[in-house]
C-alpha atoms as a PDB file:
ATOM      1  CA  MET A   1      -6.953   4.628 -25.440  1.00  0.00           C
ATOM      2  CA  LEU A   2      -8.551   2.638 -22.639  1.00  0.00           C
ATOM      3  CA  ARG A   3     -11.317   1.531 -25.004  1.00  0.00           C
ATOM      4  CA  VAL A   4      -8.728   0.270 -27.487  1.00  0.00           C
ATOM      5  CA  LYS A   5      -6.852  -1.651 -24.774  1.00  0.00           C
ATOM      6  CA  ILE A   6      -9.928  -3.485 -23.491  1.00  0.00           C
ATOM      7  CA  GLY A   7     -11.496  -4.036 -26.880  1.00  0.00           C
ATOM      8  CA  GLY A   8     -14.269  -1.509 -26.831  1.00  0.00           C
ATOM      9  CA  ARG A   9     -16.039  -3.076 -23.867  1.00  0.00           C
ATOM     10  CA  ILE A  10     -16.241   0.153 -21.969  1.00  0.00           C
ATOM     11  CA  GLY A  11     -19.382   2.211 -21.989  1.00  0.00           C
ATOM     12  CA  PRO A  12     -19.510   5.951 -22.290  1.00  0.00           C
ATOM     13  CA  ILE A  13     -17.418   7.876 -19.827  1.00  0.00           C
ATOM     14  CA  ASP A  14     -19.446   9.894 -17.345  1.00  0.00           C
ATOM     15  CA  GLU A  15     -17.495  13.186 -17.316  1.00  0.00           C
ATOM     16  CA  GLN A  16     -19.680  14.515 -14.457  1.00  0.00           C
ATOM     17  CA  ALA A  17     -18.823  11.494 -12.349  1.00  0.00           C
ATOM     18  CA  ILE A  18     -15.134  12.082 -12.927  1.00  0.00           C
ATOM     19  CA  ALA A  19     -15.503  15.787 -12.022  1.00  0.00           C
ATOM     20  CA  ARG A  20     -17.363  14.807  -8.842  1.00  0.00           C
ATOM     21  CA  ALA A  21     -14.593  12.301  -7.912  1.00  0.00           C
ATOM     22  CA  GLU A  22     -11.886  14.858  -8.518  1.00  0.00           C
ATOM     23  CA  LYS A  23     -13.749  17.397  -6.396  1.00  0.00           C
ATOM     24  CA  ALA A  24     -14.155  14.835  -3.616  1.00  0.00           C
ATOM     25  CA  LEU A  25     -10.426  14.182  -3.686  1.00  0.00           C
ATOM     26  CA  ASP A  26      -9.716  17.907  -3.692  1.00  0.00           C
ATOM     27  CA  ASP A  27     -11.980  18.321  -0.676  1.00  0.00           C
ATOM     28  CA  MET A  28      -9.992  15.674   1.137  1.00  0.00           C
ATOM     29  CA  LYS A  29      -6.578  17.371   0.814  1.00  0.00           C
ATOM     30  CA  ASP A  30      -6.687  18.549   4.385  1.00  0.00           C
ATOM     31  CA  VAL A  31      -7.588  15.040   5.586  1.00  0.00           C
ATOM     32  CA  PHE A  32      -4.707  13.659   3.506  1.00  0.00           C
ATOM     33  CA  SER A  33      -2.313  16.071   5.244  1.00  0.00           C
ATOM     34  CA  GLU A  34      -3.555  14.919   8.629  1.00  0.00           C
ATOM     35  CA  TRP A  35      -3.142  11.245   7.652  1.00  0.00           C
ATOM     36  CA  LEU A  36       0.347  11.818   6.269  1.00  0.00           C
ATOM     37  CA  GLU A  37       1.284  13.695   9.481  1.00  0.00           C
ATOM     38  CA  THR A  38       0.098  10.748  11.525  1.00  0.00           C
ATOM     39  CA  GLU A  39       2.116   8.342   9.434  1.00  0.00           C
ATOM     40  CA  VAL A  40       5.249  10.421   9.611  1.00  0.00           C
ATOM     41  CA  GLY A  41       4.807  10.630  13.362  1.00  0.00           C
ATOM     42  CA  LYS A  42       4.735   6.807  13.505  1.00  0.00           C
ATOM     43  CA  LEU A  43       7.910   6.707  11.405  1.00  0.00           C
ATOM     44  CA  GLU A  44       9.549   9.056  13.935  1.00  0.00           C
ATOM     45  CA  VAL A  45       8.510   6.884  16.865  1.00  0.00           C
ATOM     46  CA  ALA A  46      10.033   3.942  15.103  1.00  0.00           C
ATOM     47  CA  ALA A  47      13.205   5.886  14.409  1.00  0.00           C
ATOM     48  CA  ASN A  48      13.470   6.887  18.013  1.00  0.00           C
ATOM     49  CA  ARG A  49      13.234   3.237  18.904  1.00  0.00           C
ATOM     50  CA  VAL A  50      16.005   2.429  16.437  1.00  0.00           C
ATOM     51  CA  GLN A  51      18.239   5.055  18.081  1.00  0.00           C
ATOM     52  CA  ALA A  52      17.691   3.331  21.443  1.00  0.00           C
ATOM     53  CA  GLU A  53      17.791  -0.284  20.280  1.00  0.00           C
ATOM     54  CA  GLY A  54      19.550  -0.350  16.958  1.00  0.00           C
ATOM     55  CA  LEU A  55      18.324  -1.623  13.564  1.00  0.00           C
ATOM     56  CA  ASP A  56      18.469  -5.300  14.501  1.00  0.00           C
ATOM     57  CA  GLY A  57      15.363  -6.961  15.717  1.00  0.00           C
ATOM     58  CA  GLU A  58      11.902  -5.598  16.119  1.00  0.00           C
ATOM     59  CA  ALA A  59      12.846  -1.908  16.139  1.00  0.00           C
ATOM     60  CA  GLY A  60      14.393  -2.103  12.716  1.00  0.00           C
ATOM     61  CA  PHE A  61      11.547  -4.116  11.331  1.00  0.00           C
ATOM     62  CA  GLU A  62       9.047  -1.578  12.668  1.00  0.00           C
ATOM     63  CA  LEU A  63      10.987   1.289  10.959  1.00  0.00           C
ATOM     64  CA  PHE A  64      10.969  -0.677   7.722  1.00  0.00           C
ATOM     65  CA  ALA A  65       7.179  -1.304   7.975  1.00  0.00           C
ATOM     66  CA  ARG A  66       6.560   2.424   8.566  1.00  0.00           C
ATOM     67  CA  ALA A  67       8.824   3.394   5.639  1.00  0.00           C
ATOM     68  CA  HIS A  68       7.089   0.820   3.493  1.00  0.00           C
ATOM     69  CA  ASP A  69       3.690   2.325   4.349  1.00  0.00           C
ATOM     70  CA  LEU A  70       4.908   5.828   3.525  1.00  0.00           C
ATOM     71  CA  ARG A  71       6.338   4.653   0.265  1.00  0.00           C
ATOM     72  CA  GLY A  72       2.850   3.793  -0.785  1.00  0.00           C
ATOM     73  CA  MET A  73       1.124   6.829   0.674  1.00  0.00           C
ATOM     74  CA  GLY A  74       3.333   9.753  -0.266  1.00  0.00           C
ATOM     75  CA  THR A  75       2.311  10.027  -3.917  1.00  0.00           C
ATOM     76  CA  THR A  76      -1.342   9.309  -3.057  1.00  0.00           C
ATOM     77  CA  TYR A  77      -1.252  12.124  -0.600  1.00  0.00           C
ATOM     78  CA  ASN A  78       0.398  14.487  -3.104  1.00  0.00           C
ATOM     79  CA  PHE A  79       3.912  14.188  -1.670  1.00  0.00           C
ATOM     80  CA  PRO A  80       5.889  12.086  -4.186  1.00  0.00           C
ATOM     81  CA  ILE A  81       9.175  13.227  -2.674  1.00  0.00           C
ATOM     82  CA  ILE A  82       8.141  11.377   0.508  1.00  0.00           C
ATOM     83  CA  THR A  83       7.447   8.311  -1.542  1.00  0.00           C
ATOM     84  CA  ARG A  84      10.903   8.601  -3.019  1.00  0.00           C
ATOM     85  CA  MET A  85      12.666   9.017   0.359  1.00  0.00           C
ATOM     86  CA  ALA A  86      10.642   6.270   1.973  1.00  0.00           C
ATOM     87  CA  ALA A  87      11.482   3.991  -0.910  1.00  0.00           C
ATOM     88  CA  SER A  88      15.186   4.668  -0.344  1.00  0.00           C
ATOM     89  CA  LEU A  89      14.807   3.955   3.316  1.00  0.00           C
ATOM     90  CA  SER A  90      12.939   0.781   2.564  1.00  0.00           C
ATOM     91  CA  LYS A  91      15.673  -0.405   0.228  1.00  0.00           C
ATOM     92  CA  LEU A  92      18.258   0.267   2.931  1.00  0.00           C
ATOM     93  CA  ILE A  93      16.545  -1.819   5.588  1.00  0.00           C
ATOM     94  CA  GLU A  94      14.213  -4.192   3.770  1.00  0.00           C
ATOM     95  CA  THR A  95      15.747  -7.470   5.034  1.00  0.00           C
ATOM     96  CA  ASP A  96      17.181  -8.687   8.325  1.00  0.00           C
ATOM     97  CA  GLU A  97      20.538  -9.029   6.662  1.00  0.00           C
ATOM     98  CA  LYS A  98      20.582  -5.498   5.422  1.00  0.00           C
ATOM     99  CA  ARG A  99      19.441  -4.142   8.756  1.00  0.00           C
ATOM    100  CA  ALA A 100      22.351  -6.012  10.369  1.00  0.00           C
ATOM    101  CA  ILE A 101      24.879  -3.997   8.402  1.00  0.00           C
ATOM    102  CA  ALA A 102      22.973  -0.776   7.616  1.00  0.00           C
ATOM    103  CA  SER A 103      23.826   2.519   9.223  1.00  0.00           C
ATOM    104  CA  ALA A 104      21.263   3.533  11.776  1.00  0.00           C
ATOM    105  CA  LYS A 105      22.438   7.072  11.220  1.00  0.00           C
ATOM    106  CA  LEU A 106      21.523   6.912   7.528  1.00  0.00           C
ATOM    107  CA  ALA A 107      18.168   5.412   8.365  1.00  0.00           C
ATOM    108  CA  ILE A 108      17.527   8.194  10.858  1.00  0.00           C
ATOM    109  CA  ALA A 109      18.598  10.791   8.283  1.00  0.00           C
ATOM    110  CA  HIS A 110      15.890   9.465   5.983  1.00  0.00           C
ATOM    111  CA  THR A 111      13.348   9.938   8.751  1.00  0.00           C
ATOM    112  CA  GLY A 112      14.527  13.562   9.258  1.00  0.00           C
ATOM    113  CA  ALA A 113      14.362  14.253   5.542  1.00  0.00           C
ATOM    114  CA  ILE A 114      10.823  12.945   5.323  1.00  0.00           C
ATOM    115  CA  ARG A 115       9.756  15.100   8.282  1.00  0.00           C
ATOM    116  CA  ALA A 116      11.472  18.188   6.698  1.00  0.00           C
ATOM    117  CA  ALA A 117       9.654  17.586   3.367  1.00  0.00           C
ATOM    118  CA  LEU A 118       6.322  17.456   5.094  1.00  0.00           C
ATOM    119  CA  ARG A 119       7.065  20.464   7.361  1.00  0.00           C
ATOM    120  CA  GLN A 120       8.456  22.597   4.549  1.00  0.00           C
ATOM    121  CA  ASP A 121       5.786  21.476   2.083  1.00  0.00           C
ATOM    122  CA  ILE A 122       8.379  20.047  -0.294  1.00  0.00           C
ATOM    123  CA  ARG A 123       6.185  17.846  -2.459  1.00  0.00           C
ATOM    124  CA  ASP A 124       8.314  16.720  -5.389  1.00  0.00           C
ATOM    125  CA  GLU A 125      11.605  16.890  -7.287  1.00  0.00           C
ATOM    126  CA  ASN A 126      10.808  20.331  -8.596  1.00  0.00           C
ATOM    127  CA  ASN A 127      12.049  21.668  -5.326  1.00  0.00           C
ATOM    128  CA  PRO A 128      15.884  21.739  -5.715  1.00  0.00           C
ATOM    129  CA  VAL A 129      16.525  21.152  -1.915  1.00  0.00           C
ATOM    130  CA  GLY A 130      14.157  18.154  -1.883  1.00  0.00           C
ATOM    131  CA  ARG A 131      15.682  16.753  -5.063  1.00  0.00           C
ATOM    132  CA  ALA A 132      19.260  17.161  -3.796  1.00  0.00           C
ATOM    133  CA  LEU A 133      18.372  15.600  -0.462  1.00  0.00           C
ATOM    134  CA  ALA A 134      16.640  12.633  -2.065  1.00  0.00           C
ATOM    135  CA  GLU A 135      19.517  12.128  -4.444  1.00  0.00           C
ATOM    136  CA  GLU A 136      22.117  12.184  -1.646  1.00  0.00           C
ATOM    137  CA  LEU A 137      20.123   9.695   0.466  1.00  0.00           C
ATOM    138  CA  GLU A 138      19.661   7.390  -2.540  1.00  0.00           C
ATOM    139  CA  THR A 139      23.383   7.606  -3.403  1.00  0.00           C
ATOM    140  CA  GLN A 140      24.360   6.587   0.156  1.00  0.00           C
ATOM    141  CA  VAL A 141      21.904   3.741   0.139  1.00  0.00           C
ATOM    142  CA  LEU A 142      23.132   2.475  -3.212  1.00  0.00           C
ATOM    143  CA  GLU A 143      26.692   2.438  -1.796  1.00  0.00           C
ATOM    144  CA  MET A 144      25.638   0.569   1.279  1.00  0.00           C
ATOM    145  CA  VAL A 145      23.556  -1.904  -0.695  1.00  0.00           C
ATOM    146  CA  ALA A 146      26.473  -2.472  -3.039  1.00  0.00           C
ATOM    147  CA  GLU A 147      28.677  -3.327  -0.058  1.00  0.00           C
ATOM    148  CA  PHE A 148      26.036  -5.718   1.254  1.00  0.00           C
ATOM    149  CA  GLU A 149      25.732  -7.423  -2.161  1.00  0.00           C
ATOM    150  CA  ASP A 150      29.515  -7.599  -2.395  1.00  0.00           C
ATOM    151  CA  GLN A 151      29.885  -9.408   0.985  1.00  0.00           C
ATOM    152  CA  PRO A 152      29.042 -12.936  -0.207  1.00  0.00           C
ATOM    153  CA  ALA A 153      31.574 -12.530  -3.017  1.00  0.00           C
ATOM    154  CA  LYS A 154      34.235 -11.534  -0.506  1.00  0.00           C
ATOM    155  CA  ALA A 155      33.340 -14.376   1.823  1.00  0.00           C
ATOM    156  CA  ALA A 156      33.586 -16.872  -1.051  1.00  0.00           C
ATOM    157  CA  GLY A 157      36.822 -15.448  -2.349  1.00  0.00           C
END
C-alpha cells in the first residue's frame, strides 16, 4: 500500500530491520514507564500549584503545558487512555479564556484519573473503569466548553 501511495519509489522492505526496531522498542518499555512516571509527576506538581493559585495565570498555563505533553506521550508509551484523558484536560484549559471559567476541581480530577490509570496499569478503553472515567471527564469538559462557547452569544443577546 505504501508503494502504491508514493508511486513505487520505495525500495525493498528490510524485514530484519523492522524486527530489530520492534525489539528495540520492546526493550525500552521499562524506560517508557519511567519517562511516563516522570511526566505524570510533573503534571501533579502543576496540579498542586493550581490548587494553591487557581487556574488563572502561570499555574494554569503550566498545567495545560503538562497535559499537552502527556497527550502526545501516552499512546507512544503504550497508554492511550492517558492520551485520551490528557486531551480532555487540554481541551478544558487550552486558552486563557477557558482557564478563567474552568473548574479547577475538574482539572484536578483529570490529574487524579491520569495518575490512577498509570498506577493501576489501565492502558486503554478495553478497561471498563478507565473507559467510564474517561467518558465522564470528557462529558463534563464538553458541558463546560459549551458554556464557554455560549457566553459570547449571551453577552450579545
